[in-house]
Amino acid sequence: MSNQQSTINQKLFIVFEGIDSSGKTTQAELLKKYFLATKEQAVISPEPSNGIIGNLIRQALKQRIVFSRERDLFDQQMAYLFAADRHDHLYNDLDGVFKLIRDNYHVISTRYYFSSLAYNCDSVEQFDLIKKLNDRFPNPDLTIYIDLPIEVSLSRLQERSLQEIYETKTKLTKVRKQYQQIFAEYDGKAIAIDGTQDLQQIHASVVQAVQAVISERN
């Protein structure tokens, strides 16, 4: 993955990663509230995005659109769609990440290219393809990986009325292992947090990491 860093002045591009139901959205909301409380502008901009391609991906994940019933081919198709959506998410002139940063917002994303590497490949060949598709996307200023045991994730997912295509024990077990390998080798700014902790404990660790990045810049 490229070592190129996002071209941010004082505002940060922060990414939350983790398997399904690890608490990414909750922690993103808490971080946004923290920024607002400190008189800083912040916005949550998730992936898949709210754009045209992002909405297509959401429908595919819910199995309302079927591209292919062959899992390997489906994962490959999703990898291409995610890369296209990611480009739009970063660079579109309406509400893209860098447009928001230029407008003086901290941008918080739930998921980024790490998710594609973790979810959309089951072989070395697939990993290499997805790596190439995402190689030119810049690293975030900070990535927060919330690690959660599979059993806890599945228990939380049972509370949902609709489960997505990747929300199975077999898939999530593979994804968690992929995440652990990805962040063991990642050379960008990232922290791993135990997702079984109390919400406020996790939030405190997130804030501490964010403050450290800000201090390094000042």
C-alpha atoms as a PDB file:
ATOM      1  CA  MET A   1       0.000   0.000   0.000  1.00  0.00           C
ATOM      2  CA  SER A   2       1.206   3.486  -0.760  1.00  0.00           C
ATOM      3  CA  ASN A   3       3.054   5.389   1.941  1.00  0.00           C
ATOM      4  CA  GLN A   4       1.671   8.641   0.583  1.00  0.00           C
ATOM      5  CA  GLN A   5      -0.068  10.541   3.365  1.00  0.00           C
ATOM      6  CA  SER A   6      -3.287  12.496   2.959  1.00  0.00           C
ATOM      7  CA  THR A   7      -2.712  16.121   2.114  1.00  0.00           C
ATOM      8  CA  ILE A   8      -4.225  17.579   5.247  1.00  0.00           C
ATOM      9  CA  ASN A   9      -3.232  20.793   6.962  1.00  0.00           C
ATOM     10  CA  GLN A  10      -4.632  20.930  10.481  1.00  0.00           C
ATOM     11  CA  LYS A  11      -7.694  18.733  10.036  1.00  0.00           C
ATOM     12  CA  LEU A  12      -7.537  14.963  10.306  1.00  0.00           C
ATOM     13  CA  PHE A  13      -8.771  12.051   8.243  1.00  0.00           C
ATOM     14  CA  ILE A  14      -9.541   9.335  10.801  1.00  0.00           C
ATOM     15  CA  VAL A  15     -10.682   5.804   9.990  1.00  0.00           C
ATOM     16  CA  PHE A  16     -12.361   3.192  12.192  1.00  0.00           C
ATOM     17  CA  GLU A  17     -11.935  -0.438  11.154  1.00  0.00           C
ATOM     18  CA  GLY A  18     -13.087  -3.793  12.500  1.00  0.00           C
ATOM     19  CA  ILE A  19     -15.397  -6.717  11.841  1.00  0.00           C
ATOM     20  CA  ASP A  20     -19.167  -6.258  11.814  1.00  0.00           C
ATOM     21  CA  SER A  21     -20.679  -4.979  15.082  1.00  0.00           C
ATOM     22  CA  SER A  22     -17.285  -4.113  16.543  1.00  0.00           C
ATOM     23  CA  GLY A  23     -18.525  -0.647  17.497  1.00  0.00           C
ATOM     24  CA  LYS A  24     -17.109   1.475  14.679  1.00  0.00           C
ATOM     25  CA  THR A  25     -20.209   3.598  14.154  1.00  0.00           C
ATOM     26  CA  THR A  26     -20.738   4.158  17.887  1.00  0.00           C
ATOM     27  CA  GLN A  27     -17.141   5.254  18.386  1.00  0.00           C
ATOM     28  CA  ALA A  28     -17.243   7.465  15.295  1.00  0.00           C
ATOM     29  CA  GLU A  29     -20.290   9.246  16.732  1.00  0.00           C
ATOM     30  CA  LEU A  30     -18.585   9.683  20.106  1.00  0.00           C
ATOM     31  CA  LEU A  31     -15.481  11.101  18.436  1.00  0.00           C
ATOM     32  CA  LYS A  32     -17.555  13.523  16.393  1.00  0.00           C
ATOM     33  CA  LYS A  33     -19.257  14.724  19.594  1.00  0.00           C
ATOM     34  CA  TYR A  34     -15.824  15.136  21.196  1.00  0.00           C
ATOM     35  CA  PHE A  35     -14.639  17.356  18.338  1.00  0.00           C
ATOM     36  CA  LEU A  36     -17.822  19.430  18.441  1.00  0.00           C
ATOM     37  CA  ALA A  37     -17.464  19.867  22.208  1.00  0.00           C
ATOM     38  CA  THR A  38     -13.965  21.249  21.638  1.00  0.00           C
ATOM     39  CA  LYS A  39     -15.336  23.710  19.041  1.00  0.00           C
ATOM     40  CA  GLU A  40     -13.888  21.746  16.126  1.00  0.00           C
ATOM     41  CA  GLN A  41     -15.921  20.942  13.020  1.00  0.00           C
ATOM     42  CA  ALA A  42     -16.237  17.241  12.274  1.00  0.00           C
ATOM     43  CA  VAL A  43     -18.279  15.010   9.998  1.00  0.00           C
ATOM     44  CA  ILE A  44     -18.792  11.258   9.674  1.00  0.00           C
ATOM     45  CA  SER A  45     -18.314  10.056   6.108  1.00  0.00           C
ATOM     46  CA  PRO A  46     -18.669   6.246   5.967  1.00  0.00           C
ATOM     47  CA  GLU A  47     -17.813   3.603   3.405  1.00  0.00           C
ATOM     48  CA  PRO A  48     -19.626   2.458   1.401  1.00  0.00           C
ATOM     49  CA  SER A  49     -20.314   6.124   0.730  1.00  0.00           C
ATOM     50  CA  ASN A  50     -23.707   7.720   0.265  1.00  0.00           C
ATOM     51  CA  GLY A  51     -22.968   8.220  -3.428  1.00  0.00           C
ATOM     52  CA  ILE A  52     -24.369   6.311  -6.391  1.00  0.00           C
ATOM     53  CA  ILE A  53     -21.774   3.519  -6.308  1.00  0.00           C
ATOM     54  CA  GLY A  54     -21.922   3.314  -2.539  1.00  0.00           C
ATOM     55  CA  ASN A  55     -25.675   2.805  -2.603  1.00  0.00           C
ATOM     56  CA  LEU A  56     -25.245   0.070  -5.217  1.00  0.00           C
ATOM     57  CA  ILE A  57     -22.784  -1.682  -2.891  1.00  0.00           C
ATOM     58  CA  ARG A  58     -25.209  -1.450   0.027  1.00  0.00           C
ATOM     59  CA  GLN A  59     -27.931  -3.108  -2.023  1.00  0.00           C
ATOM     60  CA  ALA A  60     -25.535  -5.889  -3.028  1.00  0.00           C
ATOM     61  CA  LEU A  61     -24.491  -6.496   0.579  1.00  0.00           C
ATOM     62  CA  LYS A  62     -28.153  -6.810   1.529  1.00  0.00           C
ATOM     63  CA  GLN A  63     -28.568  -9.222  -1.402  1.00  0.00           C
ATOM     64  CA  ARG A  64     -31.230  -7.056  -3.016  1.00  0.00           C
ATOM     65  CA  ILE A  65     -28.944  -6.964  -6.072  1.00  0.00           C
ATOM     66  CA  VAL A  66     -27.151 -10.144  -7.135  1.00  0.00           C
ATOM     67  CA  PHE A  67     -24.066  -9.758  -9.345  1.00  0.00           C
ATOM     68  CA  SER A  68     -22.856 -13.351  -9.084  1.00  0.00           C
ATOM     69  CA  ARG A  69     -23.721 -16.375  -6.962  1.00  0.00           C
ATOM     70  CA  GLU A  70     -20.136 -17.600  -7.178  1.00  0.00           C
ATOM     71  CA  ARG A  71     -18.429 -16.284  -4.036  1.00  0.00           C
ATOM     72  CA  ASP A  72     -14.965 -15.694  -5.517  1.00  0.00           C
ATOM     73  CA  LEU A  73     -16.393 -13.781  -8.447  1.00  0.00           C
ATOM     74  CA  PHE A  74     -18.740 -11.829  -6.193  1.00  0.00           C
ATOM     75  CA  ASP A  75     -15.834 -10.764  -3.954  1.00  0.00           C
ATOM     76  CA  GLN A  76     -13.858  -9.641  -7.000  1.00  0.00           C
ATOM     77  CA  GLN A  77     -16.797  -7.633  -8.326  1.00  0.00           C
ATOM     78  CA  MET A  78     -17.261  -6.017  -4.933  1.00  0.00           C
ATOM     79  CA  ALA A  79     -13.555  -5.151  -4.771  1.00  0.00           C
ATOM     80  CA  TYR A  80     -13.808  -3.195  -8.028  1.00  0.00           C
ATOM     81  CA  LEU A  81     -16.974  -1.435  -6.861  1.00  0.00           C
ATOM     82  CA  PHE A  82     -15.455  -0.519  -3.511  1.00  0.00           C
ATOM     83  CA  ALA A  83     -12.369   0.929  -5.218  1.00  0.00           C
ATOM     84  CA  ALA A  84     -14.543   3.033  -7.523  1.00  0.00           C
ATOM     85  CA  ASP A  85     -16.675   4.201  -4.613  1.00  0.00           C
ATOM     86  CA  ARG A  86     -13.546   4.974  -2.577  1.00  0.00           C
ATOM     87  CA  HIS A  87     -12.172   7.214  -5.313  1.00  0.00           C
ATOM     88  CA  ASP A  88     -15.454   9.110  -5.402  1.00  0.00           C
ATOM     89  CA  HIS A  89     -15.566   9.219  -1.605  1.00  0.00           C
ATOM     90  CA  LEU A  90     -12.147  10.864  -1.439  1.00  0.00           C
ATOM     91  CA  TYR A  91     -12.137  13.182  -4.415  1.00  0.00           C
ATOM     92  CA  ASN A  92     -15.648  14.266  -5.411  1.00  0.00           C
ATOM     93  CA  ASP A  93     -16.166  18.039  -5.232  1.00  0.00           C
ATOM     94  CA  LEU A  94     -19.514  17.925  -3.428  1.00  0.00           C
ATOM     95  CA  ASP A  95     -18.820  16.091  -0.171  1.00  0.00           C
ATOM     96  CA  GLY A  96     -15.566  14.231  -0.770  1.00  0.00           C
ATOM     97  CA  VAL A  97     -13.109  13.724   2.072  1.00  0.00           C
ATOM     98  CA  PHE A  98     -10.597  16.260   0.796  1.00  0.00           C
ATOM     99  CA  LYS A  99     -13.303  18.791  -0.036  1.00  0.00           C
ATOM    100  CA  LEU A 100     -14.534  18.552   3.569  1.00  0.00           C
ATOM    101  CA  ILE A 101     -11.007  18.890   4.916  1.00  0.00           C
ATOM    102  CA  ARG A 102     -10.457  21.998   2.801  1.00  0.00           C
ATOM    103  CA  ASP A 103     -13.672  23.313   4.362  1.00  0.00           C
ATOM    104  CA  ASN A 104     -12.073  22.886   7.806  1.00  0.00           C
ATOM    105  CA  TYR A 105     -13.729  19.638   8.922  1.00  0.00           C
ATOM    106  CA  HIS A 106     -12.169  16.649  10.605  1.00  0.00           C
ATOM    107  CA  VAL A 107     -13.398  13.658   8.575  1.00  0.00           C
ATOM    108  CA  ILE A 108     -14.222  10.400  10.361  1.00  0.00           C
ATOM    109  CA  SER A 109     -14.803   7.335   8.216  1.00  0.00           C
ATOM    110  CA  THR A 110     -16.143   3.943   9.212  1.00  0.00           C
ATOM    111  CA  ARG A 111     -14.174   1.643   6.914  1.00  0.00           C
ATOM    112  CA  TYR A 112     -11.562   2.376   4.249  1.00  0.00           C
ATOM    113  CA  TYR A 113      -9.272   0.292   2.014  1.00  0.00           C
ATOM    114  CA  PHE A 114      -8.349  -1.964   4.946  1.00  0.00           C
ATOM    115  CA  SER A 115     -11.881  -3.372   4.757  1.00  0.00           C
ATOM    116  CA  SER A 116     -11.418  -4.322   1.105  1.00  0.00           C
ATOM    117  CA  LEU A 117      -8.210  -6.156   1.960  1.00  0.00           C
ATOM    118  CA  ALA A 118      -9.884  -7.931   4.865  1.00  0.00           C
ATOM    119  CA  TYR A 119     -13.243  -8.805   3.323  1.00  0.00           C
ATOM    120  CA  ASN A 120     -12.805  -9.236  -0.415  1.00  0.00           C
ATOM    121  CA  CYS A 121      -9.999 -11.762  -0.745  1.00  0.00           C
ATOM    122  CA  ASP A 122      -9.384 -15.371   0.192  1.00  0.00           C
ATOM    123  CA  SER A 123      -6.135 -15.998  -1.682  1.00  0.00           C
ATOM    124  CA  VAL A 124      -2.768 -14.397  -2.365  1.00  0.00           C
ATOM    125  CA  GLU A 125      -3.866 -13.617  -5.928  1.00  0.00           C
ATOM    126  CA  GLN A 126      -7.020 -11.858  -4.751  1.00  0.00           C
ATOM    127  CA  PHE A 127      -5.069  -9.940  -2.108  1.00  0.00           C
ATOM    128  CA  ASP A 128      -2.591  -8.726  -4.734  1.00  0.00           C
ATOM    129  CA  LEU A 129      -5.432  -7.591  -6.999  1.00  0.00           C
ATOM    130  CA  ILE A 130      -7.153  -5.622  -4.247  1.00  0.00           C
ATOM    131  CA  LYS A 131      -3.851  -4.155  -3.102  1.00  0.00           C
ATOM    132  CA  LYS A 132      -3.236  -2.864  -6.631  1.00  0.00           C
ATOM    133  CA  LEU A 133      -6.757  -1.443  -6.888  1.00  0.00           C
ATOM    134  CA  ASN A 134      -6.206   0.549  -3.698  1.00  0.00           C
ATOM    135  CA  ASP A 135      -2.484   1.248  -3.921  1.00  0.00           C
ATOM    136  CA  ARG A 136      -2.775   4.922  -4.836  1.00  0.00           C
ATOM    137  CA  PHE A 137      -5.235   5.846  -2.100  1.00  0.00           C
ATOM    138  CA  PRO A 138      -3.553   7.833   0.694  1.00  0.00           C
ATOM    139  CA  ASN A 139      -3.168   6.512   4.205  1.00  0.00           C
ATOM    140  CA  PRO A 140      -5.412   8.114   6.856  1.00  0.00           C
ATOM    141  CA  ASP A 141      -3.850  10.346   9.498  1.00  0.00           C
ATOM    142  CA  LEU A 142      -4.989   7.779  12.053  1.00  0.00           C
ATOM    143  CA  THR A 143      -6.592   4.354  11.814  1.00  0.00           C
ATOM    144  CA  ILE A 144      -8.336   2.854  14.825  1.00  0.00           C
ATOM    145  CA  TYR A 145      -8.818  -0.905  14.625  1.00  0.00           C
ATOM    146  CA  ILE A 146     -11.396  -2.199  17.086  1.00  0.00           C
ATOM    147  CA  ASP A 147     -10.678  -5.884  17.641  1.00  0.00           C
ATOM    148  CA  LEU A 148     -13.653  -8.004  18.680  1.00  0.00           C
ATOM    149  CA  PRO A 149     -13.984 -11.776  19.233  1.00  0.00           C
ATOM    150  CA  ILE A 150     -16.144 -13.498  16.621  1.00  0.00           C
ATOM    151  CA  GLU A 151     -18.599 -14.820  19.228  1.00  0.00           C
ATOM    152  CA  VAL A 152     -19.304 -11.301  20.494  1.00  0.00           C
ATOM    153  CA  SER A 153     -19.787 -10.010  16.959  1.00  0.00           C
ATOM    154  CA  LEU A 154     -22.251 -12.794  16.095  1.00  0.00           C
ATOM    155  CA  SER A 155     -24.181 -12.226  19.325  1.00  0.00           C
ATOM    156  CA  ARG A 156     -24.591  -8.556  18.483  1.00  0.00           C
ATOM    157  CA  LEU A 157     -25.537  -9.318  14.883  1.00  0.00           C
ATOM    158  CA  GLN A 158     -28.397 -11.571  16.039  1.00  0.00           C
ATOM    159  CA  GLU A 159     -30.099  -8.442  17.354  1.00  0.00           C
ATOM    160  CA  ARG A 160     -30.392  -7.059  13.819  1.00  0.00           C
ATOM    161  CA  SER A 161     -33.503  -7.650  11.735  1.00  0.00           C
ATOM    162  CA  LEU A 162     -31.463  -8.120   8.547  1.00  0.00           C
ATOM    163  CA  GLN A 163     -28.015  -9.648   8.198  1.00  0.00           C
ATOM    164  CA  GLU A 164     -25.713  -8.863   5.292  1.00  0.00           C
ATOM    165  CA  ILE A 165     -23.972 -11.402   3.077  1.00  0.00           C
ATOM    166  CA  TYR A 166     -20.622 -11.290   4.902  1.00  0.00           C
ATOM    167  CA  GLU A 167     -22.077 -11.623   8.404  1.00  0.00           C
ATOM    168  CA  THR A 168     -21.386 -15.334   8.963  1.00  0.00           C
ATOM    169  CA  LYS A 169     -19.073 -17.073  11.421  1.00  0.00           C
ATOM    170  CA  THR A 170     -16.899 -18.548   8.677  1.00  0.00           C
ATOM    171  CA  LYS A 171     -16.474 -15.234   6.856  1.00  0.00           C
ATOM    172  CA  LEU A 172     -15.902 -13.112   9.956  1.00  0.00           C
ATOM    173  CA  THR A 173     -13.321 -15.562  11.297  1.00  0.00           C
ATOM    174  CA  LYS A 174     -11.313 -15.138   8.090  1.00  0.00           C
ATOM    175  CA  VAL A 175     -11.813 -11.380   8.116  1.00  0.00           C
ATOM    176  CA  ARG A 176     -10.576 -10.988  11.674  1.00  0.00           C
ATOM    177  CA  LYS A 177      -7.408 -12.936  10.852  1.00  0.00           C
ATOM    178  CA  GLN A 178      -6.896 -10.766   7.782  1.00  0.00           C
ATOM    179  CA  TYR A 179      -7.274  -7.596   9.842  1.00  0.00           C
ATOM    180  CA  GLN A 180      -4.754  -8.780  12.388  1.00  0.00           C
ATOM    181  CA  GLN A 181      -2.246  -9.555   9.636  1.00  0.00           C
ATOM    182  CA  ILE A 182      -2.882  -6.258   7.849  1.00  0.00           C
ATOM    183  CA  PHE A 183      -2.235  -4.132  10.914  1.00  0.00           C
ATOM    184  CA  ALA A 184       0.743  -6.234  11.987  1.00  0.00           C
ATOM    185  CA  GLU A 185       2.404  -5.194   8.711  1.00  0.00           C
ATOM    186  CA  TYR A 186       0.941  -1.685   8.297  1.00  0.00           C
ATOM    187  CA  ASP A 187       3.491   1.123   8.609  1.00  0.00           C
ATOM    188  CA  GLY A 188       1.056   4.005   8.941  1.00  0.00           C
ATOM    189  CA  LYS A 189      -0.321   5.572  12.115  1.00  0.00           C
ATOM    190  CA  ALA A 190      -2.702   3.060  13.711  1.00  0.00           C
ATOM    191  CA  ILE A 191      -3.805   1.700  17.073  1.00  0.00           C
ATOM    192  CA  ALA A 192      -5.635  -1.501  18.020  1.00  0.00           C
ATOM    193  CA  ILE A 193      -8.239  -1.398  20.778  1.00  0.00           C
ATOM    194  CA  ASP A 194      -9.967  -4.248  22.608  1.00  0.00           C
ATOM    195  CA  GLY A 195     -13.597  -3.986  21.496  1.00  0.00           C
ATOM    196  CA  THR A 196     -14.926  -5.847  24.549  1.00  0.00           C
ATOM    197  CA  GLN A 197     -14.130  -2.891  26.795  1.00  0.00           C
ATOM    198  CA  ASP A 198     -16.733  -0.420  28.028  1.00  0.00           C
ATOM    199  CA  LEU A 199     -17.745   2.147  25.398  1.00  0.00           C
ATOM    200  CA  GLN A 200     -16.265   5.018  27.365  1.00  0.00           C
ATOM    201  CA  GLN A 201     -12.991   3.167  27.889  1.00  0.00           C
ATOM    202  CA  ILE A 202     -12.691   2.686  24.148  1.00  0.00           C
ATOM    203  CA  HIS A 203     -13.612   6.318  23.550  1.00  0.00           C
ATOM    204  CA  ALA A 204     -10.952   7.483  26.010  1.00  0.00           C
ATOM    205  CA  SER A 205      -8.307   5.471  24.122  1.00  0.00           C
ATOM    206  CA  VAL A 206      -9.514   6.942  20.834  1.00  0.00           C
ATOM    207  CA  VAL A 207      -9.324  10.503  22.143  1.00  0.00           C
ATOM    208  CA  GLN A 208      -5.859   9.879  23.547  1.00  0.00           C
ATOM    209  CA  ALA A 209      -4.663   8.637  20.152  1.00  0.00           C
ATOM    210  CA  VAL A 210      -6.232  11.591  18.336  1.00  0.00           C
ATOM    211  CA  GLN A 211      -4.666  14.061  20.752  1.00  0.00           C
ATOM    212  CA  ALA A 212      -1.280  12.423  20.195  1.00  0.00           C
ATOM    213  CA  VAL A 213      -1.561  12.910  16.431  1.00  0.00           C
ATOM    214  CA  ILE A 214      -2.578  16.541  16.891  1.00  0.00           C
ATOM    215  CA  SER A 215       0.332  17.137  19.295  1.00  0.00           C
ATOM    216  CA  GLU A 216       2.793  15.682  16.780  1.00  0.00           C
ATOM    217  CA  ARG A 217       1.612  18.241  14.237  1.00  0.00           C
ATOM    218  CA  ASN A 218       1.930  21.239  16.548  1.00  0.00           C
END
